[in-house]
């Protein structure tokens, strides 16, 4: 209850838009039971259980036997993004740049809220790590057929990252993409490779990261324009693995915000999501 972190445990995807409910439930169970074991804590001693999942809200019906005395608290992804940046209560825009991309807005004074993005891989997710990874794979396919206008290291990067032989590049990449098939997380994971190539000046990778940054910036500005005016002060909190790409993603966000909303404060949330969620719960108690 003092906010000391005992242990952190990761699991697999829990977004029920993309995985079955039972699979998501099993993933959360593995994380919760695993972290208790690693920390050496009995579930009997857990007083509060807090979650912010995309989709289901797992409670006593799932964890009653493991943590029989816990009170359950639920938050949304927006709350976690602001909390990771240390912003409580939220008044501004939260930007998520992870496997998917979403921007949320909230006004603390009049309660207005809005959300854009988050439509998933088929209908949206522009500005996300998934988008960067997919564009990288598509550019590698075009480069293999010599349809790019500049040399690129994307073919070699695909071969190394996905263990695809150069001699059978087309056959094996097509098989990997469609017969395996590649998951959202695996495609999003390739974004880090594209970003590293971009830092070396690889023209194709630079163009990809610039497009993704522009799309993410557009999400942020759309929400800001709907809820705030340029003269107002508010917070913009950003979080997600794509931000690890550095200035090629962050600078367009920060610069566009400063140009249009000079009194807004841009912050990247650095605290682990689960830790920030726990602190948010303690703060609200």
Protein backbone atom coordinates (compact mmCIF):
# COMPACT_ATOMS: atom_id res chain seq x y z
CA UNK A 1 0.00 0.00 0.00
CA UNK A 2 3.08 2.26 0.10
CA UNK A 3 3.46 1.88 -3.65
CA UNK A 4 6.59 -0.29 -3.61
CA UNK A 5 6.92 -2.53 -6.66
CA UNK A 6 7.48 -6.16 -5.68
CA UNK A 7 7.61 -7.76 -9.11
CA UNK A 8 6.51 -7.28 -12.73
CA UNK A 9 5.31 -10.13 -14.92
CA UNK A 10 4.42 -10.08 -18.63
CA UNK A 11 2.05 -12.35 -20.52
CA UNK A 12 0.52 -12.53 -24.01
CA UNK A 13 -2.18 -10.59 -25.87
CA UNK A 14 -5.45 -9.91 -24.01
CA UNK A 15 -7.23 -7.79 -26.62
CA UNK A 16 -10.40 -9.75 -27.31
CA UNK A 17 -10.76 -8.05 -30.68
CA UNK A 18 -7.88 -10.27 -31.82
CA UNK A 19 -7.73 -13.23 -29.42
CA UNK A 20 -10.44 -15.50 -28.06
CA UNK A 21 -11.95 -14.66 -24.68
CA UNK A 22 -10.63 -17.87 -23.12
CA UNK A 23 -7.14 -17.12 -24.44
CA UNK A 24 -7.23 -13.61 -22.98
CA UNK A 25 -8.46 -14.94 -19.64
CA UNK A 26 -5.66 -17.51 -19.56
CA UNK A 27 -3.09 -14.82 -20.36
CA UNK A 28 -4.26 -12.62 -17.49
CA UNK A 29 -4.31 -15.62 -15.16
CA UNK A 30 -0.70 -16.45 -16.07
CA UNK A 31 0.38 -12.88 -15.38
CA UNK A 32 -1.41 -12.63 -12.04
CA UNK A 33 -0.52 -16.06 -10.69
CA UNK A 34 3.03 -15.71 -12.01
CA UNK A 35 3.64 -12.35 -10.36
CA UNK A 36 2.33 -13.61 -7.03
CA UNK A 37 4.65 -16.63 -7.20
CA UNK A 38 7.65 -14.53 -8.21
CA UNK A 39 7.00 -11.99 -5.45
CA UNK A 40 6.40 -14.69 -2.86
CA UNK A 41 2.98 -13.29 -1.97
CA UNK A 42 -0.07 -15.35 -1.13
CA UNK A 43 -3.25 -14.35 -2.92
CA UNK A 44 -4.92 -14.43 0.48
CA UNK A 45 -3.08 -11.20 1.31
CA UNK A 46 -4.13 -9.25 -1.80
CA UNK A 47 -6.58 -6.49 -0.87
CA UNK A 48 -7.03 -4.78 -4.27
CA UNK A 49 -6.98 -5.91 -7.89
CA UNK A 50 -6.84 -3.23 -10.57
CA UNK A 51 -6.94 -3.71 -14.34
CA UNK A 52 -7.23 -1.74 -17.56
CA UNK A 53 -7.75 -4.25 -20.36
CA UNK A 54 -8.95 -3.70 -23.90
CA UNK A 55 -12.13 -5.72 -23.95
CA UNK A 56 -13.05 -7.84 -20.93
CA UNK A 57 -13.14 -7.00 -17.25
CA UNK A 58 -11.94 -10.03 -15.33
CA UNK A 59 -12.98 -10.10 -11.70
CA UNK A 60 -13.97 -12.44 -8.90
CA UNK A 61 -15.48 -14.94 -11.34
CA UNK A 62 -11.94 -15.61 -12.61
CA UNK A 63 -9.69 -14.81 -9.66
CA UNK A 64 -11.95 -15.47 -6.67
CA UNK A 65 -10.14 -18.67 -5.73
CA UNK A 66 -6.67 -17.16 -6.22
CA UNK A 67 -7.27 -13.82 -4.47
CA UNK A 68 -10.44 -14.36 -2.43
CA UNK A 69 -10.45 -11.11 -0.45
CA UNK A 70 -9.63 -8.55 -3.18
CA UNK A 71 -11.71 -5.54 -4.16
CA UNK A 72 -11.76 -5.06 -7.94
CA UNK A 73 -11.08 -1.74 -9.70
CA UNK A 74 -11.28 -1.06 -13.43
CA UNK A 75 -9.81 1.74 -15.57
CA UNK A 76 -9.42 2.46 -19.26
CA UNK A 77 -6.36 2.74 -21.45
CA UNK A 78 -6.64 6.54 -21.43
CA UNK A 79 -6.30 6.64 -17.64
CA UNK A 80 -3.13 4.57 -17.80
CA UNK A 81 -1.47 6.79 -20.41
CA UNK A 82 -1.99 9.90 -18.28
CA UNK A 83 -0.89 8.02 -15.15
CA UNK A 84 2.33 6.84 -16.83
CA UNK A 85 3.17 10.52 -17.32
CA UNK A 86 2.27 11.37 -13.73
CA UNK A 87 -0.78 13.44 -14.76
CA UNK A 88 -3.71 13.24 -12.33
CA UNK A 89 -6.44 14.23 -12.87
CA UNK A 90 -6.25 14.17 -16.68
CA UNK A 91 -6.98 17.32 -18.65
CA UNK A 92 -5.73 17.06 -22.19
CA UNK A 93 -4.88 14.46 -24.80
CA UNK A 94 -3.46 10.95 -24.39
CA UNK A 95 -1.66 9.40 -27.35
CA UNK A 96 -1.03 5.66 -27.57
CA UNK A 97 1.60 4.57 -30.07
CA UNK A 98 1.96 0.84 -29.56
CA UNK A 99 0.81 -2.15 -31.63
CA UNK A 100 -2.21 0.02 -32.37
CA UNK A 101 -2.58 3.80 -32.31
CA UNK A 102 -5.23 5.81 -30.51
CA UNK A 103 -5.70 9.36 -29.24
CA UNK A 104 -8.05 10.20 -26.35
CA UNK A 105 -9.10 13.60 -25.11
CA UNK A 106 -10.72 14.72 -21.87
CA UNK A 107 -11.57 18.06 -20.30
CA UNK A 108 -11.53 18.08 -16.51
CA UNK A 109 -13.66 21.23 -16.35
CA UNK A 110 -16.73 20.29 -18.37
CA UNK A 111 -16.30 16.52 -18.73
CA UNK A 112 -16.19 16.44 -22.53
CA UNK A 113 -14.34 13.44 -23.97
CA UNK A 114 -13.52 11.95 -27.34
CA UNK A 115 -11.47 9.16 -28.86
CA UNK A 116 -10.07 8.58 -32.35
CA UNK A 117 -8.14 5.71 -33.89
CA UNK A 118 -7.98 2.22 -32.47
CA UNK A 119 -9.92 0.66 -35.34
CA UNK A 120 -7.55 -2.29 -35.59
CA UNK A 121 -5.41 -3.69 -38.37
CA UNK A 122 -8.08 -3.91 -41.06
CA UNK A 123 -9.83 -0.58 -40.51
CA UNK A 124 -7.11 1.66 -39.12
CA UNK A 125 -4.10 1.58 -36.78
CA UNK A 126 -2.31 4.20 -38.85
CA UNK A 127 0.42 5.78 -36.76
CA UNK A 128 1.16 2.52 -34.95
CA UNK A 129 4.03 0.07 -34.66
CA UNK A 130 1.91 -2.38 -36.62
CA UNK A 131 1.63 0.15 -39.45
CA UNK A 132 5.39 0.76 -39.45
CA UNK A 133 6.16 -2.96 -39.44
CA UNK A 134 3.68 -3.72 -42.22
CA UNK A 135 4.95 -0.86 -44.38
CA UNK A 136 8.46 -2.16 -43.82
CA UNK A 137 7.52 -5.65 -45.00
CA UNK A 138 5.73 -4.27 -48.05
CA UNK A 139 8.69 -2.07 -48.93
CA UNK A 140 11.01 -5.07 -48.63
CA UNK A 141 8.80 -6.97 -51.09
CA UNK A 142 8.98 -4.08 -53.56
CA UNK A 143 12.74 -3.78 -53.07
CA UNK A 144 13.13 -7.48 -53.82
CA UNK A 145 11.48 -6.83 -57.19
CA UNK A 146 13.62 -3.70 -57.64
CA UNK A 147 10.57 -1.45 -57.56
CA UNK A 148 12.03 1.04 -55.07
CA UNK A 149 13.77 4.15 -56.32
CA UNK A 150 16.65 3.95 -53.81
CA UNK A 151 18.80 1.22 -52.23
CA UNK A 152 17.53 -0.12 -48.93
CA UNK A 153 18.57 -2.60 -46.29
CA UNK A 154 15.01 -3.79 -45.69
CA UNK A 155 15.45 -7.11 -47.51
CA UNK A 156 18.43 -8.06 -45.36
CA UNK A 157 16.60 -6.79 -42.28
CA UNK A 158 13.61 -9.03 -43.00
CA UNK A 159 15.88 -12.01 -43.60
CA UNK A 160 17.66 -11.50 -40.29
CA UNK A 161 14.62 -10.62 -38.18
CA UNK A 162 12.30 -13.35 -39.46
CA UNK A 163 14.99 -15.93 -40.33
CA UNK A 164 14.06 -15.94 -44.00
CA UNK A 165 16.80 -17.18 -46.40
CA UNK A 166 17.78 -14.63 -49.04
CA UNK A 167 17.81 -17.32 -51.73
CA UNK A 168 14.14 -18.18 -51.15
CA UNK A 169 13.01 -14.75 -49.93
CA UNK A 170 9.72 -14.46 -51.80
CA UNK A 171 8.52 -18.01 -51.23
CA UNK A 172 9.40 -18.10 -47.55
CA UNK A 173 8.15 -14.60 -46.72
CA UNK A 174 4.80 -15.30 -48.41
CA UNK A 175 4.54 -18.58 -46.50
CA UNK A 176 5.42 -16.84 -43.24
CA UNK A 177 2.90 -14.07 -43.83
CA UNK A 178 -0.08 -16.18 -44.87
CA UNK A 179 0.43 -19.79 -43.80
CA UNK A 180 1.89 -19.27 -40.34
CA UNK A 181 0.49 -16.48 -40.29
CA UNK A 182 2.36 -13.48 -38.87
CA UNK A 183 0.59 -12.07 -35.81
CA UNK A 184 -0.13 -8.43 -35.09
CA UNK A 185 2.58 -8.44 -32.44
CA UNK A 186 5.17 -10.00 -34.75
CA UNK A 187 4.49 -7.43 -37.48
CA UNK A 188 4.57 -4.60 -34.92
CA UNK A 189 7.87 -5.96 -33.61
CA UNK A 190 9.47 -5.33 -36.99
CA UNK A 191 8.85 -1.59 -36.50
CA UNK A 192 11.90 -1.37 -34.25
CA UNK A 193 14.03 -2.75 -37.09
CA UNK A 194 12.59 -0.22 -39.54
CA UNK A 195 13.28 2.56 -37.04
CA UNK A 196 16.91 1.46 -36.59
CA UNK A 197 17.38 1.47 -40.36
CA UNK A 198 15.88 4.95 -40.51
CA UNK A 199 18.50 6.24 -38.06
CA UNK A 200 21.20 5.12 -40.51
CA UNK A 201 19.64 7.21 -43.27
CA UNK A 202 18.02 4.34 -45.18
CA UNK A 203 15.70 6.28 -47.50
CA UNK A 204 12.88 3.73 -47.59
CA UNK A 205 12.87 3.32 -43.82
CA UNK A 206 12.97 7.08 -43.29
CA UNK A 207 9.92 7.56 -45.51
CA UNK A 208 8.02 4.87 -43.62
CA UNK A 209 8.77 6.35 -40.21
CA UNK A 210 7.92 9.85 -41.41
CA UNK A 211 4.53 8.66 -42.69
CA UNK A 212 3.76 6.85 -39.45
CA UNK A 213 4.78 9.92 -37.43
CA UNK A 214 2.57 12.14 -39.59
CA UNK A 215 -0.41 9.83 -39.12
CA UNK A 216 0.09 9.71 -35.34
CA UNK A 217 0.45 13.50 -35.22
CA UNK A 218 -2.80 13.87 -37.15
CA UNK A 219 -4.64 11.75 -34.55
CA UNK A 220 -3.29 13.90 -31.71
CA UNK A 221 -4.09 17.21 -33.39
CA UNK A 222 -7.60 16.15 -34.34
CA UNK A 223 -8.51 15.51 -30.71
CA UNK A 224 -6.76 18.65 -29.49
CA UNK A 225 -8.60 20.82 -32.02
CA UNK A 226 -11.98 19.39 -31.04
CA UNK A 227 -11.57 19.96 -27.30
CA UNK A 228 -9.19 22.89 -26.86
CA UNK A 229 -8.31 26.25 -28.35
CA UNK A 230 -4.74 27.42 -29.03
CA UNK A 231 -4.72 29.83 -26.08
CA UNK A 232 -5.42 27.08 -23.52
CA UNK A 233 -2.96 25.15 -21.41
CA UNK A 234 -3.41 21.39 -21.28
CA UNK A 235 -1.34 18.21 -21.15
CA UNK A 236 -0.50 15.81 -23.93
CA UNK A 237 0.70 12.47 -22.59
CA UNK A 238 2.20 9.95 -25.00
CA UNK A 239 3.06 6.32 -24.36
CA UNK A 240 3.80 3.14 -26.26
CA UNK A 241 6.68 1.18 -27.69
CA UNK A 242 6.78 3.06 -30.99
CA UNK A 243 8.07 6.11 -29.11
CA UNK A 244 11.29 4.18 -28.52
CA UNK A 245 12.09 5.01 -32.15
CA UNK A 246 13.11 8.41 -30.82
CA UNK A 247 13.03 11.77 -32.50
CA UNK A 248 11.83 10.53 -35.87
CA UNK A 249 8.48 9.80 -34.16
CA UNK A 250 8.56 12.15 -31.18
CA UNK A 251 9.77 15.36 -32.86
CA UNK A 252 6.78 15.68 -35.26
CA UNK A 253 4.38 15.26 -32.33
CA UNK A 254 6.17 17.78 -30.14
CA UNK A 255 6.78 20.30 -32.91
CA UNK A 256 3.24 20.21 -34.30
CA UNK A 257 1.80 20.65 -30.83
CA UNK A 258 4.11 23.59 -30.04
CA UNK A 259 3.22 25.27 -33.34
CA UNK A 260 -0.55 25.02 -32.96
CA UNK A 261 -0.99 24.87 -29.17
CA UNK A 262 1.95 26.78 -27.69
CA UNK A 263 0.73 26.47 -24.08
CA UNK A 264 0.29 22.68 -24.18
CA UNK A 265 2.75 20.50 -22.25
CA UNK A 266 4.05 17.40 -24.02
CA UNK A 267 5.14 14.49 -21.80
CA UNK A 268 6.19 10.94 -22.57
CA UNK A 269 5.04 8.50 -19.94
CA UNK A 270 7.95 6.38 -18.76
CA UNK A 271 6.51 4.41 -15.86
CA UNK A 272 5.58 0.79 -16.51
CA UNK A 273 1.87 0.57 -17.39
CA UNK A 274 0.96 -1.83 -14.58
CA UNK A 275 2.92 0.19 -12.03
CA UNK A 276 1.24 3.42 -13.15
CA UNK A 277 -2.13 1.69 -12.93
CA UNK A 278 -1.42 0.57 -9.39
CA UNK A 279 -0.36 4.07 -8.34
CA UNK A 280 -3.51 5.49 -9.96
CA UNK A 281 -5.66 3.16 -7.89
CA UNK A 282 -3.83 4.11 -4.69
CA UNK A 283 -4.21 7.80 -5.54
CA UNK A 284 -7.98 7.41 -6.01
CA UNK A 285 -8.51 5.54 -2.73
